[in-house]
N, C-alpha and C. Protein backbone atom coordinates (compact mmCIF):
# COMPACT_ATOMS: atom_id res chain seq x y z
N MET A 1 40.65 58.04 6.95
CA MET A 1 41.67 58.05 7.76
C MET A 1 43.12 57.65 7.72
N PRO A 2 43.57 58.59 8.31
CA PRO A 2 44.95 58.74 7.81
C PRO A 2 45.65 57.30 8.76
N TYR A 3 46.75 56.85 8.04
CA TYR A 3 47.28 55.37 8.73
C TYR A 3 48.33 55.98 9.36
N ILE A 4 48.73 55.31 10.47
CA ILE A 4 49.58 55.28 11.46
C ILE A 4 50.62 54.29 11.76
N CYS A 5 51.39 54.63 11.14
CA CYS A 5 52.81 53.87 11.01
C CYS A 5 52.65 52.96 12.53
N GLY A 6 52.33 51.26 12.36
CA GLY A 6 53.04 50.71 13.35
C GLY A 6 51.66 50.24 13.89
N LEU A 7 50.79 51.21 13.51
CA LEU A 7 49.43 50.29 14.23
C LEU A 7 48.41 49.44 13.36
N GLY A 8 48.48 50.03 11.87
CA GLY A 8 47.89 49.24 10.66
C GLY A 8 46.52 49.38 11.02
N SER A 9 45.71 48.07 10.71
CA SER A 9 44.38 47.92 10.55
C SER A 9 44.02 48.50 12.16
N PHE A 10 44.70 48.19 13.09
CA PHE A 10 44.47 48.01 14.71
C PHE A 10 43.63 49.74 15.19
N GLN A 11 44.00 50.22 14.67
CA GLN A 11 43.42 51.62 14.69
C GLN A 11 42.15 51.51 15.47
N ASN A 12 41.49 51.53 14.71
CA ASN A 12 39.70 51.45 15.51
C ASN A 12 39.77 50.61 16.20
N THR A 13 40.41 49.75 16.79
CA THR A 13 39.78 48.60 17.84
C THR A 13 40.71 48.62 19.23
N MET A 14 41.94 49.15 18.90
CA MET A 14 42.20 49.41 20.17
C MET A 14 41.93 50.42 21.10
N ASN A 15 41.72 50.46 22.30
CA ASN A 15 41.20 51.67 23.13
C ASN A 15 42.63 51.89 23.91
N PRO A 16 43.19 53.83 23.92
CA PRO A 16 44.63 54.06 24.01
C PRO A 16 44.41 53.75 25.80
N ASN A 17 43.61 54.06 26.39
CA ASN A 17 43.40 53.80 27.92
C ASN A 17 43.55 52.43 28.23
N SER A 18 43.56 51.28 27.47
CA SER A 18 43.88 50.22 27.84
C SER A 18 45.54 49.73 28.22
N TYR A 19 46.19 50.48 27.56
CA TYR A 19 47.77 49.86 27.24
C TYR A 19 48.72 51.09 27.98
N ARG A 20 47.96 51.86 28.66
CA ARG A 20 48.75 53.14 29.48
C ARG A 20 48.97 52.90 30.93
N THR A 21 49.87 52.57 31.33
CA THR A 21 50.20 52.40 32.63
C THR A 21 49.93 53.31 33.73
N ALA A 22 49.08 53.11 34.69
CA ALA A 22 48.59 53.61 35.75
C ALA A 22 50.18 54.23 36.77
N SER A 23 50.12 55.65 36.98
CA SER A 23 51.21 56.04 37.86
C SER A 23 50.18 56.42 39.03
N ALA A 24 50.87 55.77 40.11
CA ALA A 24 50.57 56.25 41.22
C ALA A 24 51.32 57.76 41.82
N ARG A 25 50.18 58.25 42.85
CA ARG A 25 50.63 59.63 43.32
C ARG A 25 50.94 58.81 45.02
N ALA A 26 51.74 59.89 45.68
CA ALA A 26 51.96 59.58 46.91
C ALA A 26 50.47 59.38 47.76
N THR A 27 49.62 60.67 47.66
CA THR A 27 48.39 60.35 47.98
C THR A 27 47.41 59.08 47.94
N ASP A 28 47.61 58.61 47.03
CA ASP A 28 46.99 57.05 46.96
C ASP A 28 47.22 56.15 47.74
N PHE A 29 47.94 56.33 48.41
CA PHE A 29 48.16 54.92 49.50
C PHE A 29 47.89 55.55 50.85
N ASP A 30 47.29 54.45 51.16
CA ASP A 30 47.05 54.27 52.80
C ASP A 30 48.04 53.80 53.79
N ARG A 31 48.55 54.29 54.10
CA ARG A 31 50.20 53.92 55.05
C ARG A 31 49.62 52.78 56.08
N LYS A 32 49.89 51.60 56.26
CA LYS A 32 50.00 51.12 57.39
C LYS A 32 51.21 51.15 58.11
N TRP A 33 51.29 50.62 59.59
CA TRP A 33 52.18 50.47 60.70
C TRP A 33 52.69 49.08 60.64
N TYR A 34 53.37 48.06 60.59
CA TYR A 34 54.08 46.80 60.92
C TYR A 34 54.57 46.99 62.01
N VAL A 35 54.58 45.66 62.40
CA VAL A 35 55.69 45.77 63.42
C VAL A 35 56.29 44.31 63.38
N VAL A 36 57.69 43.99 63.48
CA VAL A 36 58.56 43.07 63.25
C VAL A 36 59.25 42.65 64.36
N ASP A 37 59.16 41.25 64.99
CA ASP A 37 60.38 41.24 66.26
C ASP A 37 61.54 40.38 65.45
N ALA A 38 62.30 41.08 65.71
CA ALA A 38 63.76 40.82 65.14
C ALA A 38 64.69 39.71 66.01
N GLU A 39 63.76 39.01 67.10
CA GLU A 39 64.67 38.14 67.95
C GLU A 39 64.79 37.00 66.87
N ASN A 40 66.24 36.30 67.23
CA ASN A 40 66.50 35.30 66.29
C ASN A 40 66.25 35.33 64.79
N GLN A 41 66.15 36.73 64.36
CA GLN A 41 66.03 36.40 62.81
C GLN A 41 67.66 36.94 62.23
N VAL A 42 68.00 36.61 61.39
CA VAL A 42 69.65 36.75 60.45
C VAL A 42 69.18 38.34 60.33
N VAL A 43 70.11 38.99 60.12
CA VAL A 43 69.94 40.48 60.18
C VAL A 43 69.80 40.91 58.57
N GLY A 44 70.75 40.47 57.67
CA GLY A 44 70.64 40.86 56.30
C GLY A 44 69.02 40.34 55.77
N ARG A 45 68.34 39.00 56.04
CA ARG A 45 67.10 38.70 55.52
C ARG A 45 66.19 39.33 55.88
N LEU A 46 66.25 39.74 57.52
CA LEU A 46 65.22 40.66 58.17
C LEU A 46 65.55 41.99 57.23
N ALA A 47 66.92 42.61 57.10
CA ALA A 47 66.47 44.44 56.11
C ALA A 47 66.28 44.11 55.00
N THR A 48 66.19 42.94 54.48
CA THR A 48 65.77 42.73 52.76
C THR A 48 63.70 42.59 53.04
N GLN A 49 63.66 41.92 53.85
CA GLN A 49 62.11 42.27 53.68
C GLN A 49 61.76 43.47 54.38
N VAL A 50 62.20 44.27 55.65
CA VAL A 50 61.55 45.39 55.66
C VAL A 50 61.92 46.40 55.14
N ALA A 51 63.25 46.39 54.10
CA ALA A 51 63.37 46.97 53.04
C ALA A 51 62.40 47.08 52.37
N HIS A 52 61.90 46.11 51.71
CA HIS A 52 60.66 45.55 50.71
C HIS A 52 59.25 46.41 50.99
N VAL A 53 58.87 46.44 52.13
CA VAL A 53 57.74 46.75 52.94
C VAL A 53 57.68 48.32 52.69
N LEU A 54 59.19 48.75 53.36
CA LEU A 54 59.55 50.35 53.28
C LEU A 54 59.46 51.09 51.58
N ARG A 55 59.58 50.11 50.74
CA ARG A 55 59.73 51.03 49.35
C ARG A 55 58.13 50.99 48.97
N GLY A 56 57.23 49.59 49.32
CA GLY A 56 56.03 49.56 48.55
C GLY A 56 56.15 48.88 47.49
N LYS A 57 57.02 47.62 47.68
CA LYS A 57 57.18 46.93 46.28
C LYS A 57 55.68 45.24 46.49
N HIS A 58 55.50 45.54 48.09
CA HIS A 58 54.66 44.16 48.13
C HIS A 58 53.12 45.12 48.12
N ARG A 59 52.70 46.03 47.33
CA ARG A 59 51.67 46.45 46.85
C ARG A 59 51.78 46.39 45.32
N PRO A 60 50.29 46.37 44.81
CA PRO A 60 50.32 45.59 43.52
C PRO A 60 50.24 47.01 42.45
N ASN A 61 49.93 48.12 43.36
CA ASN A 61 50.21 49.61 42.32
C ASN A 61 51.43 50.14 42.82
N PHE A 62 52.62 49.33 42.87
CA PHE A 62 53.93 50.09 42.95
C PHE A 62 54.54 50.82 41.71
N THR A 63 55.25 52.01 42.42
CA THR A 63 55.47 53.10 41.44
C THR A 63 56.78 53.42 42.00
N PRO A 64 58.19 53.14 41.17
CA PRO A 64 59.36 53.38 41.42
C PRO A 64 59.58 55.01 41.79
N HIS A 65 59.17 55.62 41.37
CA HIS A 65 59.36 57.00 41.45
C HIS A 65 58.70 57.88 42.95
N VAL A 66 57.66 57.06 43.57
CA VAL A 66 57.18 57.31 44.69
C VAL A 66 57.29 56.70 45.66
N ASP A 67 57.03 57.70 47.05
CA ASP A 67 56.89 56.89 48.21
C ASP A 67 55.99 56.41 48.58
N CYS A 68 55.58 54.88 48.17
CA CYS A 68 54.38 54.50 48.24
C CYS A 68 54.23 53.39 49.62
N GLY A 69 55.66 53.15 50.59
CA GLY A 69 55.70 51.94 51.98
C GLY A 69 54.85 52.62 52.64
N ASP A 70 55.13 51.38 53.28
CA ASP A 70 54.44 51.53 55.17
C ASP A 70 55.26 52.22 55.86
N PHE A 71 54.82 52.24 56.92
CA PHE A 71 55.83 52.07 58.57
C PHE A 71 56.28 50.96 59.03
N VAL A 72 57.08 50.75 59.20
CA VAL A 72 57.90 49.35 60.06
C VAL A 72 58.38 49.66 61.07
N ILE A 73 58.10 49.37 62.14
CA ILE A 73 58.78 49.29 63.76
C ILE A 73 59.54 47.86 63.78
N VAL A 74 60.73 47.88 64.49
CA VAL A 74 61.34 46.40 64.75
C VAL A 74 62.07 46.74 66.24
N VAL A 75 61.76 45.52 66.72
CA VAL A 75 61.48 45.71 68.27
C VAL A 75 62.64 44.12 67.97
N ASN A 76 63.09 44.62 69.55
CA ASN A 76 64.62 43.49 69.55
C ASN A 76 65.49 43.30 69.04
N ALA A 77 66.01 44.62 68.42
CA ALA A 77 67.12 44.65 67.44
C ALA A 77 68.71 44.39 68.56
N SER A 78 68.71 44.31 69.71
CA SER A 78 69.41 43.70 70.31
C SER A 78 69.52 42.02 70.43
N LYS A 79 68.83 41.12 69.63
CA LYS A 79 68.65 39.82 69.74
C LYS A 79 68.80 39.25 68.22
N ALA A 80 69.15 40.35 67.49
CA ALA A 80 69.10 40.01 65.88
C ALA A 80 70.50 39.29 66.05
N ARG A 81 70.56 38.09 65.04
CA ARG A 81 71.63 37.47 64.77
C ARG A 81 71.97 37.58 63.54
N PHE A 82 74.06 37.14 63.23
CA PHE A 82 74.61 37.08 62.39
C PHE A 82 74.77 35.49 61.89
N THR A 83 74.98 34.97 60.99
CA THR A 83 75.56 34.10 60.41
C THR A 83 76.90 33.83 60.31
N GLY A 84 77.06 32.46 60.59
CA GLY A 84 78.74 32.67 60.52
C GLY A 84 79.70 33.32 61.41
N ALA A 85 81.01 33.77 61.02
CA ALA A 85 81.90 34.72 61.71
C ALA A 85 81.35 35.82 61.91
N LYS A 86 80.69 36.77 61.08
CA LYS A 86 80.19 37.66 61.18
C LYS A 86 80.04 38.78 62.25
N GLU A 87 79.76 38.03 63.21
CA GLU A 87 79.45 38.51 64.32
C GLU A 87 80.96 39.38 64.74
N THR A 88 82.01 38.53 64.84
CA THR A 88 83.44 38.97 65.52
C THR A 88 84.25 39.58 64.00
N ASP A 89 84.31 38.97 62.89
CA ASP A 89 85.03 39.31 61.64
C ASP A 89 84.08 40.92 61.16
N LYS A 90 83.22 40.75 61.17
CA LYS A 90 82.67 41.90 60.05
C LYS A 90 83.05 43.31 60.58
N GLN A 91 83.41 44.09 60.19
CA GLN A 91 83.36 45.51 60.62
C GLN A 91 82.78 46.86 60.01
N TYR A 92 82.33 47.57 61.20
CA TYR A 92 81.78 48.67 60.60
C TYR A 92 82.58 49.98 60.70
N PHE A 93 82.78 50.59 59.67
CA PHE A 93 83.84 51.82 59.20
C PHE A 93 82.96 52.99 59.40
N SER A 94 84.07 53.94 60.27
CA SER A 94 83.40 55.53 60.57
C SER A 94 84.41 56.44 60.79
N TYR A 95 84.58 57.57 60.35
CA TYR A 95 85.69 58.30 60.15
C TYR A 95 85.50 59.71 60.60
N SER A 96 85.85 59.96 61.46
CA SER A 96 85.58 61.64 62.21
C SER A 96 86.05 62.67 61.58
N GLY A 97 86.82 62.51 60.33
CA GLY A 97 87.24 64.02 59.70
C GLY A 97 88.24 64.08 59.89
N TYR A 98 89.18 63.74 60.72
CA TYR A 98 90.01 64.28 61.61
C TYR A 98 91.35 63.62 61.11
N PRO A 99 92.56 63.64 61.02
CA PRO A 99 93.79 62.71 60.71
C PRO A 99 93.64 61.29 61.92
N GLY A 100 94.05 60.37 61.54
CA GLY A 100 93.95 59.34 62.33
C GLY A 100 92.62 59.13 63.24
N GLY A 101 91.49 59.30 62.48
CA GLY A 101 90.12 59.63 63.11
C GLY A 101 89.34 58.69 62.62
N ASP A 102 89.91 57.24 61.99
CA ASP A 102 89.03 56.48 61.53
C ASP A 102 89.15 55.35 62.47
N ARG A 103 88.03 54.80 62.70
CA ARG A 103 87.73 53.83 63.50
C ARG A 103 86.90 52.43 63.08
N LEU A 104 87.36 50.81 63.23
CA LEU A 104 86.64 50.08 62.93
C LEU A 104 86.10 49.45 64.20
N GLU A 105 84.39 48.86 64.13
CA GLU A 105 83.97 48.43 64.88
C GLU A 105 83.35 47.07 64.97
N SER A 106 83.47 45.99 65.42
CA SER A 106 82.56 45.17 64.97
C SER A 106 81.25 44.79 65.36
N PRO A 107 80.35 43.67 65.08
CA PRO A 107 79.03 43.92 65.65
C PRO A 107 78.75 43.56 67.07
N LYS A 108 79.66 42.73 67.61
CA LYS A 108 79.68 42.48 69.07
C LYS A 108 79.77 43.79 69.68
N ASP A 109 81.06 44.49 69.69
CA ASP A 109 80.91 45.86 69.92
C ASP A 109 80.12 46.66 69.89
N LEU A 110 79.32 46.85 68.91
CA LEU A 110 78.54 47.90 68.83
C LEU A 110 77.23 47.27 69.37
N ARG A 111 76.77 46.12 69.29
CA ARG A 111 75.96 45.58 69.79
C ARG A 111 75.50 46.26 71.82
N GLY A 112 76.34 46.33 72.04
CA GLY A 112 76.32 46.59 73.69
C GLY A 112 76.07 48.50 73.83
N ARG A 113 76.39 48.94 72.79
CA ARG A 113 76.32 50.52 72.34
C ARG A 113 75.25 50.88 71.71
N LYS A 114 74.89 50.73 70.73
CA LYS A 114 73.82 50.89 70.23
C LYS A 114 73.22 49.96 68.55
N PRO A 115 72.33 49.07 69.64
CA PRO A 115 71.83 47.43 68.95
C PRO A 115 71.01 48.36 67.26
N GLU A 116 70.57 49.35 67.58
CA GLU A 116 69.77 49.66 66.45
C GLU A 116 70.19 50.02 65.54
N PHE A 117 71.52 50.20 65.57
CA PHE A 117 72.53 50.89 64.22
C PHE A 117 72.54 49.71 63.35
N LEU A 118 72.71 48.13 63.79
CA LEU A 118 72.75 46.91 62.97
C LEU A 118 71.52 47.02 62.06
N ILE A 119 70.35 47.10 62.57
CA ILE A 119 69.09 46.76 61.71
C ILE A 119 69.08 48.10 60.71
N GLU A 120 69.36 49.18 61.50
CA GLU A 120 69.58 50.73 60.82
C GLU A 120 70.48 50.71 59.25
N HIS A 121 71.26 50.36 59.82
CA HIS A 121 72.64 50.18 58.25
C HIS A 121 72.43 49.30 57.40
N ALA A 122 72.21 48.27 57.70
CA ALA A 122 71.56 47.00 56.54
C ALA A 122 70.49 47.71 55.94
N VAL A 123 69.37 47.89 56.40
CA VAL A 123 67.99 48.75 55.52
C VAL A 123 68.34 49.64 55.11
N LYS A 124 69.06 50.53 55.46
CA LYS A 124 69.51 51.89 54.53
C LYS A 124 70.60 51.58 53.35
N GLY A 125 71.05 50.27 53.52
CA GLY A 125 71.89 50.11 52.31
C GLY A 125 71.08 49.80 51.05
N MET A 126 70.15 49.35 51.80
CA MET A 126 69.27 48.69 50.55
C MET A 126 67.90 49.38 49.96
N LEU A 127 68.26 50.80 50.19
CA LEU A 127 66.80 51.72 49.70
C LEU A 127 67.43 52.62 49.00
N PRO A 128 66.93 52.95 47.88
CA PRO A 128 67.48 54.24 47.04
C PRO A 128 67.92 55.00 47.60
N LYS A 129 69.49 55.43 46.98
CA LYS A 129 70.16 56.33 47.49
C LYS A 129 69.30 58.24 47.09
N GLY A 130 69.49 59.24 47.58
CA GLY A 130 68.61 60.39 47.11
C GLY A 130 67.55 60.48 47.93
N ALA A 131 67.30 61.69 47.81
CA ALA A 131 66.15 62.12 48.41
C ALA A 131 64.71 61.26 48.49
N LEU A 132 64.94 60.59 47.51
CA LEU A 132 63.58 59.29 47.98
C LEU A 132 63.89 58.37 48.67
N GLY A 133 65.13 57.84 48.47
CA GLY A 133 65.53 56.58 49.97
C GLY A 133 65.55 57.07 51.24
N ARG A 134 65.81 59.03 51.34
CA ARG A 134 65.94 58.90 52.63
C ARG A 134 64.45 59.14 53.16
N GLN A 135 63.74 59.39 52.40
CA GLN A 135 62.49 60.04 52.72
C GLN A 135 61.23 58.39 53.43
N MET A 136 61.88 57.32 52.81
CA MET A 136 61.44 56.24 52.85
C MET A 136 62.20 55.84 54.19
N TYR A 137 63.66 56.05 54.21
CA TYR A 137 64.15 55.16 55.49
C TYR A 137 63.46 56.09 56.90
N ARG A 138 63.14 57.41 56.85
CA ARG A 138 62.29 58.31 57.79
C ARG A 138 61.19 57.26 58.30
N LYS A 139 60.71 56.48 57.86
CA LYS A 139 59.23 55.15 57.93
C LYS A 139 60.24 54.12 58.86
N LEU A 140 61.12 54.01 58.98
CA LEU A 140 61.91 52.94 59.85
C LEU A 140 62.07 53.30 61.47
N LYS A 141 61.49 52.05 62.12
CA LYS A 141 61.60 52.74 63.75
C LYS A 141 62.28 51.61 64.38
N VAL A 142 63.51 51.66 64.83
CA VAL A 142 63.71 50.24 65.48
C VAL A 142 64.61 50.62 66.88
N TYR A 143 64.23 49.48 67.73
CA TYR A 143 64.29 49.73 69.19
C TYR A 143 64.86 48.30 69.65
N GLY A 144 65.79 48.48 70.47
CA GLY A 144 66.79 47.68 71.14
C GLY A 144 65.67 46.57 71.53
N GLY A 145 64.87 46.93 72.57
CA GLY A 145 63.93 46.54 73.40
C GLY A 145 62.70 45.65 72.69
N ALA A 146 61.81 45.18 73.43
CA ALA A 146 60.48 44.76 72.85
C ALA A 146 59.61 45.59 73.27
N GLU A 147 59.81 46.67 73.89
CA GLU A 147 58.64 48.09 73.72
C GLU A 147 59.42 49.39 72.42
N HIS A 148 57.97 49.44 72.50
CA HIS A 148 57.72 50.79 71.24
C HIS A 148 57.03 51.84 71.71
N PRO A 149 57.04 53.33 71.36
CA PRO A 149 55.81 54.13 71.84
C PRO A 149 54.70 54.11 70.48
N HIS A 150 55.04 53.23 69.67
CA HIS A 150 53.89 53.72 68.46
C HIS A 150 52.65 52.65 68.60
N GLU A 151 51.94 52.40 69.76
CA GLU A 151 50.83 51.70 70.13
C GLU A 151 49.52 52.34 69.34
N ALA A 152 49.79 53.56 69.84
CA ALA A 152 48.96 54.61 69.47
C ALA A 152 48.36 54.53 67.43
N GLN A 153 49.05 54.21 67.24
CA GLN A 153 49.33 53.64 65.17
C GLN A 153 48.50 52.43 64.79
N GLN A 154 48.25 51.47 65.99
CA GLN A 154 47.86 49.98 66.32
C GLN A 154 48.42 49.24 65.04
N PRO A 155 49.89 49.29 64.91
CA PRO A 155 50.64 48.34 63.97
C PRO A 155 50.11 46.51 64.15
N GLU A 156 50.15 46.27 62.84
CA GLU A 156 49.81 45.07 62.43
C GLU A 156 51.08 44.28 62.69
N ALA A 157 51.01 42.85 63.21
CA ALA A 157 52.41 42.09 63.25
C ALA A 157 52.72 41.67 61.83
N LEU A 158 53.83 41.86 61.62
CA LEU A 158 54.21 41.09 59.73
C LEU A 158 55.37 39.92 60.36
N GLU A 159 54.75 39.08 59.53
CA GLU A 159 55.30 37.73 59.62
C GLU A 159 56.56 37.56 58.38
N LEU A 160 57.42 36.97 58.91
CA LEU A 160 58.71 37.05 57.57
C LEU A 160 59.30 35.86 57.53
């Protein structure tokens, strides 16, 4: 029997299938739908837990290079809160592409116009960058009010 460097006398006793990492495929997952109520939740803490579920890290067979997460519906996004003085001091930057076309808006101003943006922006920054992150981000549905059009998917409440 040939000697394999590093294995020594364990060559006959180890099963090669016992130490291989099982890599999951996207078809191996049964996607669930979860609904989260953002009322009185801190935006950053809510976003980390939502990103965790979108990415699939709550699953025992999590695979980093595969989209193995679930769908998440966030309702009452307009009632989410910031800690400290972030409501007025934090600034969101956007640029139109034209000279002088840069805009700074506080969460207080954005909340009236598009309250969904506050949650979406926070979660998007916590997902991987690139095609895989964009695919995970598409499974996030955010609504400013308490109603959502996804009752047919029978979402479960996700306790945070």
